Amino acid sequence: MKNNIGLLLTKRAIINPEREAYVDSSSGLRLTFAELNSRCNCLANSLLELGIKHGDRVALALMNSAEFIEAYFAVAKIGGIVVPLNWRLVPDELEFILKDSGSETLIFGEEFIETVSDLHGRGDKTDVKIWIQVAEDNGQNEFAQDYVQFRDRGDSAEPEVGAEEDDLLYIMYTSGTTGLPKGGCPFSQYFYLGANNFYCIN
């Protein structure tokens, strides 16, 4: 079996499919390992259908949520590179990060509608071409695809593993308090294979 952080979830879904993997005390959402893995696979396969491949950057403007976990594991499974965005940063800083990282896909929550609308209006100042929104109460941006619809049209079968071992897992940017944020690539797919408490999946 290849070393890939996404396979941590796959393995747990096989060993303990009915064990609870995720609980959201606010919304009441509860997911077993099997359910969470299925959702991740659907998202991964939908991303593959868009042409996202090994090494492509997928930026996430999401608070702690099931969608963040789904996106993180889905992107890892197919060999993409996660670029988590600091929710405290202003549009000018996020514009720089998106451009610097080469992110062509952005998945964002409704908390960031105004910020992302600003970024979208800046045109080619970022490289983002695919905008996917987790929409709840504040409606759907006309330029963005609905996250749930996008995820759920994908196949729930395990996608072909797109990265392994020392392949890059994510790019983390600094807060940029003394200048522009700086991106670091500290972790590989192999690094986290043994982290059996990652996101409380154990």
C-alpha atoms as a PDB file:
ATOM      1  CA  MET A   1       0.000   0.000   0.000  1.00  0.00           C
ATOM      2  CA  LYS A   2       1.291   3.465  -0.872  1.00  0.00           C
ATOM      3  CA  ASN A   3       1.955   5.955   1.901  1.00  0.00           C
ATOM      4  CA  ASN A   4      -0.700   8.637   1.546  1.00  0.00           C
ATOM      5  CA  ILE A   5      -2.456  10.554   4.292  1.00  0.00           C
ATOM      6  CA  GLY A   6      -5.801   9.952   2.593  1.00  0.00           C
ATOM      7  CA  LEU A   7      -5.298   6.233   3.121  1.00  0.00           C
ATOM      8  CA  LEU A   8      -5.400   6.788   6.889  1.00  0.00           C
ATOM      9  CA  LEU A   9      -9.076   7.552   6.520  1.00  0.00           C
ATOM     10  CA  THR A  10      -9.615   4.746   3.998  1.00  0.00           C
ATOM     11  CA  LYS A  11      -8.042   2.242   6.373  1.00  0.00           C
ATOM     12  CA  ARG A  12     -10.087   3.444   9.342  1.00  0.00           C
ATOM     13  CA  ALA A  13     -13.292   3.237   7.287  1.00  0.00           C
ATOM     14  CA  ILE A  14     -12.481  -0.427   6.619  1.00  0.00           C
ATOM     15  CA  ILE A  15     -11.468  -1.334  10.175  1.00  0.00           C
ATOM     16  CA  ASN A  16     -14.099   0.662  12.094  1.00  0.00           C
ATOM     17  CA  PRO A  17     -16.737   1.764   9.586  1.00  0.00           C
ATOM     18  CA  GLU A  18     -19.434   2.449  12.197  1.00  0.00           C
ATOM     19  CA  ARG A  19     -17.237   4.230  14.722  1.00  0.00           C
ATOM     20  CA  GLU A  20     -17.974   7.922  15.068  1.00  0.00           C
ATOM     21  CA  ALA A  21     -15.332  10.039  13.317  1.00  0.00           C
ATOM     22  CA  TYR A  22     -16.745  13.552  13.412  1.00  0.00           C
ATOM     23  CA  VAL A  23     -19.193  15.431  15.642  1.00  0.00           C
ATOM     24  CA  ASP A  24     -20.284  19.040  15.196  1.00  0.00           C
ATOM     25  CA  SER A  25     -21.849  20.243  18.426  1.00  0.00           C
ATOM     26  CA  SER A  26     -23.335  23.316  16.733  1.00  0.00           C
ATOM     27  CA  SER A  27     -25.151  21.706  13.827  1.00  0.00           C
ATOM     28  CA  GLY A  28     -25.561  18.239  15.296  1.00  0.00           C
ATOM     29  CA  LEU A  29     -23.816  16.651  12.309  1.00  0.00           C
ATOM     30  CA  ARG A  30     -22.347  13.253  13.173  1.00  0.00           C
ATOM     31  CA  LEU A  31     -20.352  11.161  10.702  1.00  0.00           C
ATOM     32  CA  THR A  32     -18.966   7.648  10.985  1.00  0.00           C
ATOM     33  CA  PHE A  33     -15.614   6.816   9.435  1.00  0.00           C
ATOM     34  CA  ALA A  34     -17.397   5.123   6.547  1.00  0.00           C
ATOM     35  CA  GLU A  35     -19.588   8.181   5.933  1.00  0.00           C
ATOM     36  CA  LEU A  36     -16.697  10.629   6.177  1.00  0.00           C
ATOM     37  CA  ASN A  37     -14.541   8.562   3.841  1.00  0.00           C
ATOM     38  CA  SER A  38     -17.375   8.298   1.331  1.00  0.00           C
ATOM     39  CA  ARG A  39     -17.833  12.076   1.307  1.00  0.00           C
ATOM     40  CA  CYS A  40     -14.092  12.573   0.860  1.00  0.00           C
ATOM     41  CA  ASN A  41     -14.061  10.136  -2.059  1.00  0.00           C
ATOM     42  CA  CYS A  42     -16.974  11.902  -3.731  1.00  0.00           C
ATOM     43  CA  LEU A  43     -15.169  15.225  -3.465  1.00  0.00           C
ATOM     44  CA  ALA A  44     -11.891  13.721  -4.658  1.00  0.00           C
ATOM     45  CA  ASN A  45     -13.521  12.217  -7.738  1.00  0.00           C
ATOM     46  CA  SER A  46     -15.352  15.453  -8.527  1.00  0.00           C
ATOM     47  CA  LEU A  47     -12.029  17.303  -8.355  1.00  0.00           C
ATOM     48  CA  LEU A  48     -10.471  14.726 -10.667  1.00  0.00           C
ATOM     49  CA  GLU A  49     -13.300  15.246 -13.150  1.00  0.00           C
ATOM     50  CA  LEU A  50     -12.403  18.946 -13.203  1.00  0.00           C
ATOM     51  CA  GLY A  51      -8.895  18.002 -14.233  1.00  0.00           C
ATOM     52  CA  ILE A  52      -7.192  18.627 -10.911  1.00  0.00           C
ATOM     53  CA  LYS A  53      -4.102  16.444 -10.799  1.00  0.00           C
ATOM     54  CA  HIS A  54      -0.911  15.680  -8.917  1.00  0.00           C
ATOM     55  CA  GLY A  55       0.758  18.864  -7.741  1.00  0.00           C
ATOM     56  CA  ASP A  56      -2.164  21.209  -8.356  1.00  0.00           C
ATOM     57  CA  ARG A  57      -2.870  23.669  -5.547  1.00  0.00           C
ATOM     58  CA  VAL A  58      -6.296  23.809  -3.894  1.00  0.00           C
ATOM     59  CA  ALA A  59      -6.783  26.717  -1.481  1.00  0.00           C
ATOM     60  CA  LEU A  60      -9.174  26.429   1.482  1.00  0.00           C
ATOM     61  CA  ALA A  61     -10.875  29.409   3.108  1.00  0.00           C
ATOM     62  CA  LEU A  62     -12.849  27.387   5.631  1.00  0.00           C
ATOM     63  CA  MET A  63     -13.361  27.465   9.376  1.00  0.00           C
ATOM     64  CA  ASN A  64     -13.094  24.250  11.405  1.00  0.00           C
ATOM     65  CA  SER A  65     -15.752  22.096   9.800  1.00  0.00           C
ATOM     66  CA  ALA A  66     -16.577  18.794   8.162  1.00  0.00           C
ATOM     67  CA  GLU A  67     -15.966  20.475   4.812  1.00  0.00           C
ATOM     68  CA  PHE A  68     -12.404  21.372   5.787  1.00  0.00           C
ATOM     69  CA  ILE A  69     -11.661  17.764   6.762  1.00  0.00           C
ATOM     70  CA  GLU A  70     -13.327  16.450   3.599  1.00  0.00           C
ATOM     71  CA  ALA A  71     -11.359  18.804   1.385  1.00  0.00           C
ATOM     72  CA  TYR A  72      -8.066  18.127   3.144  1.00  0.00           C
ATOM     73  CA  PHE A  73      -8.292  14.358   2.767  1.00  0.00           C
ATOM     74  CA  ALA A  74      -9.821  14.502  -0.716  1.00  0.00           C
ATOM     75  CA  VAL A  75      -7.028  16.696  -2.070  1.00  0.00           C
ATOM     76  CA  ALA A  76      -4.406  14.516  -0.367  1.00  0.00           C
ATOM     77  CA  LYS A  77      -5.845  11.348  -1.884  1.00  0.00           C
ATOM     78  CA  ILE A  78      -5.554  12.613  -5.450  1.00  0.00           C
ATOM     79  CA  GLY A  79      -2.134  14.163  -5.004  1.00  0.00           C
ATOM     80  CA  GLY A  80      -3.139  17.794  -4.944  1.00  0.00           C
ATOM     81  CA  ILE A  81      -1.552  20.286  -2.552  1.00  0.00           C
ATOM     82  CA  VAL A  82      -3.652  21.981   0.119  1.00  0.00           C
ATOM     83  CA  VAL A  83      -3.157  25.712   0.694  1.00  0.00           C
ATOM     84  CA  PRO A  84      -5.019  26.607   3.928  1.00  0.00           C
ATOM     85  CA  LEU A  85      -5.782  30.322   4.146  1.00  0.00           C
ATOM     86  CA  ASN A  86      -5.605  32.237   7.409  1.00  0.00           C
ATOM     87  CA  TRP A  87      -9.097  33.656   8.021  1.00  0.00           C
ATOM     88  CA  ARG A  88      -7.622  36.691   9.756  1.00  0.00           C
ATOM     89  CA  LEU A  89      -5.878  37.973   6.624  1.00  0.00           C
ATOM     90  CA  VAL A  90      -7.298  40.774   4.487  1.00  0.00           C
ATOM     91  CA  PRO A  91      -7.981  40.434   0.730  1.00  0.00           C
ATOM     92  CA  ASP A  92      -4.656  42.024  -0.292  1.00  0.00           C
ATOM     93  CA  GLU A  93      -2.751  39.405   1.689  1.00  0.00           C
ATOM     94  CA  LEU A  94      -4.928  36.567   0.424  1.00  0.00           C
ATOM     95  CA  GLU A  95      -4.484  37.811  -3.142  1.00  0.00           C
ATOM     96  CA  PHE A  96      -0.726  37.498  -2.717  1.00  0.00           C
ATOM     97  CA  ILE A  97      -0.965  33.980  -1.243  1.00  0.00           C
ATOM     98  CA  LEU A  98      -3.284  32.725  -3.974  1.00  0.00           C
ATOM     99  CA  LYS A  99      -1.006  34.117  -6.680  1.00  0.00           C
ATOM    100  CA  ASP A 100       2.235  33.061  -5.017  1.00  0.00           C
ATOM    101  CA  SER A 101       1.026  29.495  -4.426  1.00  0.00           C
ATOM    102  CA  GLY A 102      -0.431  29.131  -7.904  1.00  0.00           C
ATOM    103  CA  SER A 103      -3.795  28.042  -6.496  1.00  0.00           C
ATOM    104  CA  GLU A 104      -6.316  27.601  -9.306  1.00  0.00           C
ATOM    105  CA  THR A 105      -9.115  26.241  -7.104  1.00  0.00           C
ATOM    106  CA  LEU A 106     -10.600  27.876  -4.006  1.00  0.00           C
ATOM    107  CA  ILE A 107     -13.081  26.209  -1.671  1.00  0.00           C
ATOM    108  CA  PHE A 108     -14.583  28.733   0.737  1.00  0.00           C
ATOM    109  CA  GLY A 109     -17.217  28.990   3.437  1.00  0.00           C
ATOM    110  CA  GLU A 110     -20.046  31.456   3.669  1.00  0.00           C
ATOM    111  CA  GLU A 111     -18.127  33.388   6.333  1.00  0.00           C
ATOM    112  CA  PHE A 112     -15.818  34.557   3.562  1.00  0.00           C
ATOM    113  CA  ILE A 113     -18.382  35.587   0.938  1.00  0.00           C
ATOM    114  CA  GLU A 114     -17.463  39.280   1.001  1.00  0.00           C
ATOM    115  CA  THR A 115     -13.722  38.617   1.019  1.00  0.00           C
ATOM    116  CA  VAL A 116     -13.914  36.084  -1.804  1.00  0.00           C
ATOM    117  CA  SER A 117     -16.213  38.311  -3.848  1.00  0.00           C
ATOM    118  CA  ASP A 118     -13.532  40.981  -3.553  1.00  0.00           C
ATOM    119  CA  LEU A 119     -10.869  38.520  -4.690  1.00  0.00           C
ATOM    120  CA  HIS A 120     -12.999  37.322  -7.600  1.00  0.00           C
ATOM    121  CA  GLY A 121     -13.449  40.912  -8.734  1.00  0.00           C
ATOM    122  CA  ARG A 122      -9.679  41.315  -9.009  1.00  0.00           C
ATOM    123  CA  GLY A 123      -9.553  39.119 -12.101  1.00  0.00           C
ATOM    124  CA  ASP A 124      -6.141  37.774 -13.024  1.00  0.00           C
ATOM    125  CA  LYS A 125      -4.497  39.167  -9.899  1.00  0.00           C
ATOM    126  CA  THR A 126      -5.024  35.606  -8.674  1.00  0.00           C
ATOM    127  CA  ASP A 127      -4.818  32.385 -10.676  1.00  0.00           C
ATOM    128  CA  VAL A 128      -8.098  31.033  -9.291  1.00  0.00           C
ATOM    129  CA  LYS A 129     -10.362  29.655 -12.003  1.00  0.00           C
ATOM    130  CA  ILE A 130     -12.586  27.327  -9.970  1.00  0.00           C
ATOM    131  CA  TRP A 131     -14.607  28.783  -7.094  1.00  0.00           C
ATOM    132  CA  ILE A 132     -16.536  26.385  -4.825  1.00  0.00           C
ATOM    133  CA  GLN A 133     -18.710  27.741  -2.021  1.00  0.00           C
ATOM    134  CA  VAL A 134     -20.110  26.068   1.075  1.00  0.00           C
ATOM    135  CA  ALA A 135     -23.420  27.943   1.048  1.00  0.00           C
ATOM    136  CA  GLU A 136     -25.861  27.948   3.936  1.00  0.00           C
ATOM    137  CA  ASP A 137     -27.893  30.979   4.986  1.00  0.00           C
ATOM    138  CA  ASN A 138     -26.335  33.767   2.937  1.00  0.00           C
ATOM    139  CA  GLY A 139     -27.035  32.420  -0.530  1.00  0.00           C
ATOM    140  CA  GLN A 140     -24.843  31.333  -3.403  1.00  0.00           C
ATOM    141  CA  ASN A 141     -22.412  33.553  -5.276  1.00  0.00           C
ATOM    142  CA  GLU A 142     -23.201  33.463  -8.977  1.00  0.00           C
ATOM    143  CA  PHE A 143     -19.555  32.821  -9.877  1.00  0.00           C
ATOM    144  CA  ALA A 144     -19.185  29.859  -7.501  1.00  0.00           C
ATOM    145  CA  GLN A 145     -20.312  26.247  -7.629  1.00  0.00           C
ATOM    146  CA  ASP A 146     -22.271  24.888  -4.680  1.00  0.00           C
ATOM    147  CA  TYR A 147     -20.010  22.696  -2.565  1.00  0.00           C
ATOM    148  CA  VAL A 148     -22.556  20.024  -1.665  1.00  0.00           C
ATOM    149  CA  GLN A 149     -23.799  19.651  -5.233  1.00  0.00           C
ATOM    150  CA  PHE A 150     -20.224  19.563  -6.502  1.00  0.00           C
ATOM    151  CA  ARG A 151     -19.148  16.979  -3.934  1.00  0.00           C
ATOM    152  CA  ASP A 152     -22.170  14.727  -4.259  1.00  0.00           C
ATOM    153  CA  ARG A 153     -21.987  14.325  -8.018  1.00  0.00           C
ATOM    154  CA  GLY A 154     -18.689  12.492  -7.591  1.00  0.00           C
ATOM    155  CA  ASP A 155     -18.357   8.713  -7.329  1.00  0.00           C
ATOM    156  CA  SER A 156     -17.906   7.389  -3.773  1.00  0.00           C
ATOM    157  CA  ALA A 157     -15.388   4.758  -4.915  1.00  0.00           C
ATOM    158  CA  GLU A 158     -11.795   5.159  -3.786  1.00  0.00           C
ATOM    159  CA  PRO A 159      -9.910   7.374  -6.249  1.00  0.00           C
ATOM    160  CA  GLU A 160      -6.564   6.272  -7.578  1.00  0.00           C
ATOM    161  CA  VAL A 161      -3.859   7.425  -5.160  1.00  0.00           C
ATOM    162  CA  GLY A 162      -2.246  10.475  -6.703  1.00  0.00           C
ATOM    163  CA  ALA A 163       0.666  11.100  -4.325  1.00  0.00           C
ATOM    164  CA  GLU A 164       2.854   9.188  -1.922  1.00  0.00           C
ATOM    165  CA  GLU A 165       5.967   9.239   0.277  1.00  0.00           C
ATOM    166  CA  ASP A 166       7.822  12.565  -0.055  1.00  0.00           C
ATOM    167  CA  ASP A 167       5.269  14.263  -2.316  1.00  0.00           C
ATOM    168  CA  LEU A 168       4.195  17.636  -0.994  1.00  0.00           C
ATOM    169  CA  LEU A 169       1.080  17.610   1.198  1.00  0.00           C
ATOM    170  CA  TYR A 170       0.392  21.289   1.829  1.00  0.00           C
ATOM    171  CA  ILE A 171       1.819  24.799   1.763  1.00  0.00           C
ATOM    172  CA  MET A 172       1.424  26.809   4.944  1.00  0.00           C
ATOM    173  CA  TYR A 173       1.883  30.588   4.883  1.00  0.00           C
ATOM    174  CA  THR A 174       3.060  32.791   7.744  1.00  0.00           C
ATOM    175  CA  SER A 175       0.922  35.648   9.054  1.00  0.00           C
ATOM    176  CA  GLY A 176       3.123  38.195   7.284  1.00  0.00           C
ATOM    177  CA  THR A 177       3.394  40.498  10.295  1.00  0.00           C
ATOM    178  CA  THR A 178       6.771  41.886   9.145  1.00  0.00           C
ATOM    179  CA  GLY A 179       6.111  41.776   5.406  1.00  0.00           C
ATOM    180  CA  LEU A 180       4.398  39.586   2.837  1.00  0.00           C
ATOM    181  CA  PRO A 181       3.403  36.086   3.995  1.00  0.00           C
ATOM    182  CA  LYS A 182       5.979  33.390   3.258  1.00  0.00           C
ATOM    183  CA  GLY A 183       4.947  29.931   2.165  1.00  0.00           C
ATOM    184  CA  GLY A 184       6.560  26.852   3.653  1.00  0.00           C
ATOM    185  CA  CYS A 185       6.286  23.203   2.614  1.00  0.00           C
ATOM    186  CA  PRO A 186       7.044  21.389   5.868  1.00  0.00           C
ATOM    187  CA  PHE A 187       5.115  18.145   5.463  1.00  0.00           C
ATOM    188  CA  SER A 188       5.002  15.305   2.975  1.00  0.00           C
ATOM    189  CA  GLN A 189       2.455  12.540   2.452  1.00  0.00           C
ATOM    190  CA  TYR A 190       4.796  10.188   4.286  1.00  0.00           C
ATOM    191  CA  PHE A 191       5.224  12.395   7.369  1.00  0.00           C
ATOM    192  CA  TYR A 192       1.648  12.010   8.578  1.00  0.00           C
ATOM    193  CA  LEU A 193       1.214   8.309   7.930  1.00  0.00           C
ATOM    194  CA  GLY A 194       1.973   7.499  11.536  1.00  0.00           C
ATOM    195  CA  ALA A 195       0.000  10.393  13.027  1.00  0.00           C
ATOM    196  CA  ASN A 196      -2.887   8.257  14.202  1.00  0.00           C
ATOM    197  CA  ASN A 197      -4.518  11.079  16.124  1.00  0.00           C
ATOM    198  CA  PHE A 198      -4.711  13.436  13.157  1.00  0.00           C
ATOM    199  CA  TYR A 199      -8.022  15.311  13.335  1.00  0.00           C
ATOM    200  CA  CYS A 200      -9.092  12.969  16.096  1.00  0.00           C
ATOM    201  CA  ILE A 201      -9.150  10.040  13.674  1.00  0.00           C
ATOM    202  CA  ASN A 202      -7.729   7.216  15.710  1.00  0.00           C
END
